[in-house]
Amino acid sequence: MKPEEFTADLHKELERNLAYYKEIFYQTKLEDVIDDYWYKAIVFFRSLNPDQQEVLLEIIKQVQIDTMATMLGIIDGIASLNKVFKDVSLIVDGEKINGDLLEYFLEQDNS
């Protein structure tokens, strides 16, 4: 797998995660929620007007992208972990693919 393919797949996964959040917030019946955290989150989301709901979903998307970018920066060796740079390798199908993952990921961002 090429690094560009890997980062494209990461973007697809983030989109699936966002779709999952949307499904939870818009379609879950409150009486079916057993987790207190999710119950509160859904009630909060539904208390917002549609424009505010969209802003919250955009924030969730950006947090996902920022978190992934941080992880890729650490894997590429261009960001520190606890203020220390680590020697990290990402091997996929027997080949090291890190080094430019963050760059590819950010280039592919369609936000």
C-alpha atoms as a PDB file:
ATOM      1  CA  MET A   1       0.000   0.000   0.000  1.00  0.00           C
ATOM      2  CA  LYS A   2       1.302   3.421  -0.936  1.00  0.00           C
ATOM      3  CA  PRO A   3       1.305   6.193   1.676  1.00  0.00           C
ATOM      4  CA  GLU A   4      -1.186   8.182  -0.418  1.00  0.00           C
ATOM      5  CA  GLU A   5      -3.603   5.247  -0.410  1.00  0.00           C
ATOM      6  CA  PHE A   6      -3.199   4.811   3.331  1.00  0.00           C
ATOM      7  CA  THR A   7      -3.994   8.450   4.069  1.00  0.00           C
ATOM      8  CA  ALA A   8      -6.922   8.417   1.623  1.00  0.00           C
ATOM      9  CA  ASP A   9      -8.282   5.421   3.527  1.00  0.00           C
ATOM     10  CA  LEU A  10      -7.858   7.342   6.784  1.00  0.00           C
ATOM     11  CA  HIS A  11     -10.008  10.151   5.354  1.00  0.00           C
ATOM     12  CA  LYS A  12     -12.667   7.626   4.358  1.00  0.00           C
ATOM     13  CA  GLU A  13     -12.633   6.227   7.889  1.00  0.00           C
ATOM     14  CA  LEU A  14     -13.057   9.703   9.371  1.00  0.00           C
ATOM     15  CA  GLU A  15     -16.032  10.284   7.075  1.00  0.00           C
ATOM     16  CA  ARG A  16     -17.568   6.990   8.246  1.00  0.00           C
ATOM     17  CA  ASN A  17     -17.016   8.060  11.855  1.00  0.00           C
ATOM     18  CA  LEU A  18     -18.736  11.388  11.215  1.00  0.00           C
ATOM     19  CA  ALA A  19     -21.649   9.607   9.530  1.00  0.00           C
ATOM     20  CA  TYR A  20     -21.902   7.397  12.620  1.00  0.00           C
ATOM     21  CA  TYR A  21     -22.098  10.452  14.881  1.00  0.00           C
ATOM     22  CA  LYS A  22     -24.788  11.965  12.683  1.00  0.00           C
ATOM     23  CA  GLU A  23     -26.769   8.733  12.839  1.00  0.00           C
ATOM     24  CA  ILE A  24     -26.507   8.672  16.631  1.00  0.00           C
ATOM     25  CA  PHE A  25     -27.479  12.315  17.066  1.00  0.00           C
ATOM     26  CA  TYR A  26     -30.317  12.405  14.541  1.00  0.00           C
ATOM     27  CA  GLN A  27     -31.807   8.918  14.634  1.00  0.00           C
ATOM     28  CA  THR A  28     -31.292   7.361  18.048  1.00  0.00           C
ATOM     29  CA  LYS A  29     -34.417   7.096  20.172  1.00  0.00           C
ATOM     30  CA  LEU A  30     -33.694   8.467  23.634  1.00  0.00           C
ATOM     31  CA  GLU A  31     -35.533   5.595  25.280  1.00  0.00           C
ATOM     32  CA  ASP A  32     -33.050   3.192  23.644  1.00  0.00           C
ATOM     33  CA  VAL A  33     -29.955   4.935  25.053  1.00  0.00           C
ATOM     34  CA  ILE A  34     -28.435   3.110  28.015  1.00  0.00           C
ATOM     35  CA  ASP A  35     -25.142   5.020  28.307  1.00  0.00           C
ATOM     36  CA  ASP A  36     -25.420   8.222  30.356  1.00  0.00           C
ATOM     37  CA  TYR A  37     -22.735  10.001  28.318  1.00  0.00           C
ATOM     38  CA  TRP A  38     -24.534   9.389  25.024  1.00  0.00           C
ATOM     39  CA  TYR A  39     -27.894  10.261  26.508  1.00  0.00           C
ATOM     40  CA  LYS A  40     -26.585  13.661  27.612  1.00  0.00           C
ATOM     41  CA  ALA A  41     -24.800  14.207  24.298  1.00  0.00           C
ATOM     42  CA  ILE A  42     -27.914  13.450  22.256  1.00  0.00           C
ATOM     43  CA  VAL A  43     -30.125  15.643  24.449  1.00  0.00           C
ATOM     44  CA  PHE A  44     -27.599  18.476  24.139  1.00  0.00           C
ATOM     45  CA  PHE A  45     -27.318  18.074  20.358  1.00  0.00           C
ATOM     46  CA  ARG A  46     -31.077  18.099  19.923  1.00  0.00           C
ATOM     47  CA  SER A  47     -31.397  21.227  22.066  1.00  0.00           C
ATOM     48  CA  LEU A  48     -29.425  23.118  19.420  1.00  0.00           C
ATOM     49  CA  ASN A  49     -31.014  24.746  16.401  1.00  0.00           C
ATOM     50  CA  PRO A  50     -30.111  23.255  12.979  1.00  0.00           C
ATOM     51  CA  ASP A  51     -27.353  25.806  12.318  1.00  0.00           C
ATOM     52  CA  GLN A  52     -25.793  25.122  15.700  1.00  0.00           C
ATOM     53  CA  GLN A  53     -26.037  21.378  15.121  1.00  0.00           C
ATOM     54  CA  GLU A  54     -24.148  21.791  11.856  1.00  0.00           C
ATOM     55  CA  VAL A  55     -21.453  23.837  13.595  1.00  0.00           C
ATOM     56  CA  LEU A  56     -21.054  21.143  16.252  1.00  0.00           C
ATOM     57  CA  LEU A  57     -20.695  18.461  13.571  1.00  0.00           C
ATOM     58  CA  GLU A  58     -18.067  20.603  11.819  1.00  0.00           C
ATOM     59  CA  ILE A  59     -16.199  20.911  15.130  1.00  0.00           C
ATOM     60  CA  ILE A  60     -16.312  17.134  15.592  1.00  0.00           C
ATOM     61  CA  LYS A  61     -14.955  16.666  12.061  1.00  0.00           C
ATOM     62  CA  GLN A  62     -12.142  19.152  12.638  1.00  0.00           C
ATOM     63  CA  VAL A  63     -11.192  17.526  15.947  1.00  0.00           C
ATOM     64  CA  GLN A  64     -10.962  14.166  14.151  1.00  0.00           C
ATOM     65  CA  ILE A  65      -8.730  15.684  11.460  1.00  0.00           C
ATOM     66  CA  ASP A  66      -6.531  17.490  13.992  1.00  0.00           C
ATOM     67  CA  THR A  67      -6.132  14.338  16.085  1.00  0.00           C
ATOM     68  CA  MET A  68      -5.218  12.246  13.054  1.00  0.00           C
ATOM     69  CA  ALA A  69      -2.779  14.923  11.864  1.00  0.00           C
ATOM     70  CA  THR A  70      -1.084  14.928  15.261  1.00  0.00           C
ATOM     71  CA  MET A  71      -0.739  11.142  15.194  1.00  0.00           C
ATOM     72  CA  LEU A  72       0.647  11.173  11.652  1.00  0.00           C
ATOM     73  CA  GLY A  73       3.116  13.903  12.597  1.00  0.00           C
ATOM     74  CA  ILE A  74       4.384  11.719  15.438  1.00  0.00           C
ATOM     75  CA  ILE A  75       4.595   8.678  13.136  1.00  0.00           C
ATOM     76  CA  ASP A  76       6.446  10.765  10.510  1.00  0.00           C
ATOM     77  CA  GLY A  77       8.878  12.028  13.144  1.00  0.00           C
ATOM     78  CA  ILE A  78       8.018  15.702  12.665  1.00  0.00           C
ATOM     79  CA  ALA A  79       5.964  16.136  15.841  1.00  0.00           C
ATOM     80  CA  SER A  80       6.982  15.288  19.370  1.00  0.00           C
ATOM     81  CA  LEU A  81       5.292  13.024  21.849  1.00  0.00           C
ATOM     82  CA  ASN A  82       5.409  14.534  25.323  1.00  0.00           C
ATOM     83  CA  LYS A  83       8.024  16.999  23.999  1.00  0.00           C
ATOM     84  CA  VAL A  84      10.285  14.154  22.851  1.00  0.00           C
ATOM     85  CA  PHE A  85      10.726  13.056  19.254  1.00  0.00           C
ATOM     86  CA  LYS A  86      10.388   9.283  18.924  1.00  0.00           C
ATOM     87  CA  ASP A  87      11.685   6.939  16.250  1.00  0.00           C
ATOM     88  CA  VAL A  88       8.420   5.471  14.999  1.00  0.00           C
ATOM     89  CA  SER A  89       7.809   3.392  11.892  1.00  0.00           C
ATOM     90  CA  LEU A  90       4.551   2.438  10.267  1.00  0.00           C
ATOM     91  CA  ILE A  91       4.840  -0.786   8.310  1.00  0.00           C
ATOM     92  CA  VAL A  92       2.000  -1.886   6.040  1.00  0.00           C
ATOM     93  CA  ASP A  93       2.237  -5.099   4.054  1.00  0.00           C
ATOM     94  CA  GLY A  94       5.910  -5.362   5.027  1.00  0.00           C
ATOM     95  CA  GLU A  95       6.849  -1.887   3.783  1.00  0.00           C
ATOM     96  CA  LYS A  96       7.647   1.225   5.778  1.00  0.00           C
ATOM     97  CA  ILE A  97       5.277   3.951   4.615  1.00  0.00           C
ATOM     98  CA  ASN A  98       5.828   6.796   7.058  1.00  0.00           C
ATOM     99  CA  GLY A  99       7.813   9.926   6.346  1.00  0.00           C
ATOM    100  CA  ASP A 100       5.270  11.950   4.367  1.00  0.00           C
ATOM    101  CA  LEU A 101       1.963  10.713   5.773  1.00  0.00           C
ATOM    102  CA  LEU A 102       1.027  14.033   7.340  1.00  0.00           C
ATOM    103  CA  GLU A 103       1.721  15.891   4.109  1.00  0.00           C
ATOM    104  CA  TYR A 104      -0.427  13.494   2.061  1.00  0.00           C
ATOM    105  CA  PHE A 105      -3.185  13.553   4.666  1.00  0.00           C
ATOM    106  CA  LEU A 106      -3.372  17.341   4.709  1.00  0.00           C
ATOM    107  CA  GLU A 107      -3.237  17.563   0.912  1.00  0.00           C
ATOM    108  CA  GLN A 108      -6.221  15.221   0.695  1.00  0.00           C
ATOM    109  CA  ASP A 109      -8.283  17.136   3.271  1.00  0.00           C
ATOM    110  CA  ASN A 110     -11.450  18.435   1.646  1.00  0.00           C
ATOM    111  CA  SER A 111     -12.720  20.392   4.654  1.00  0.00           C
END
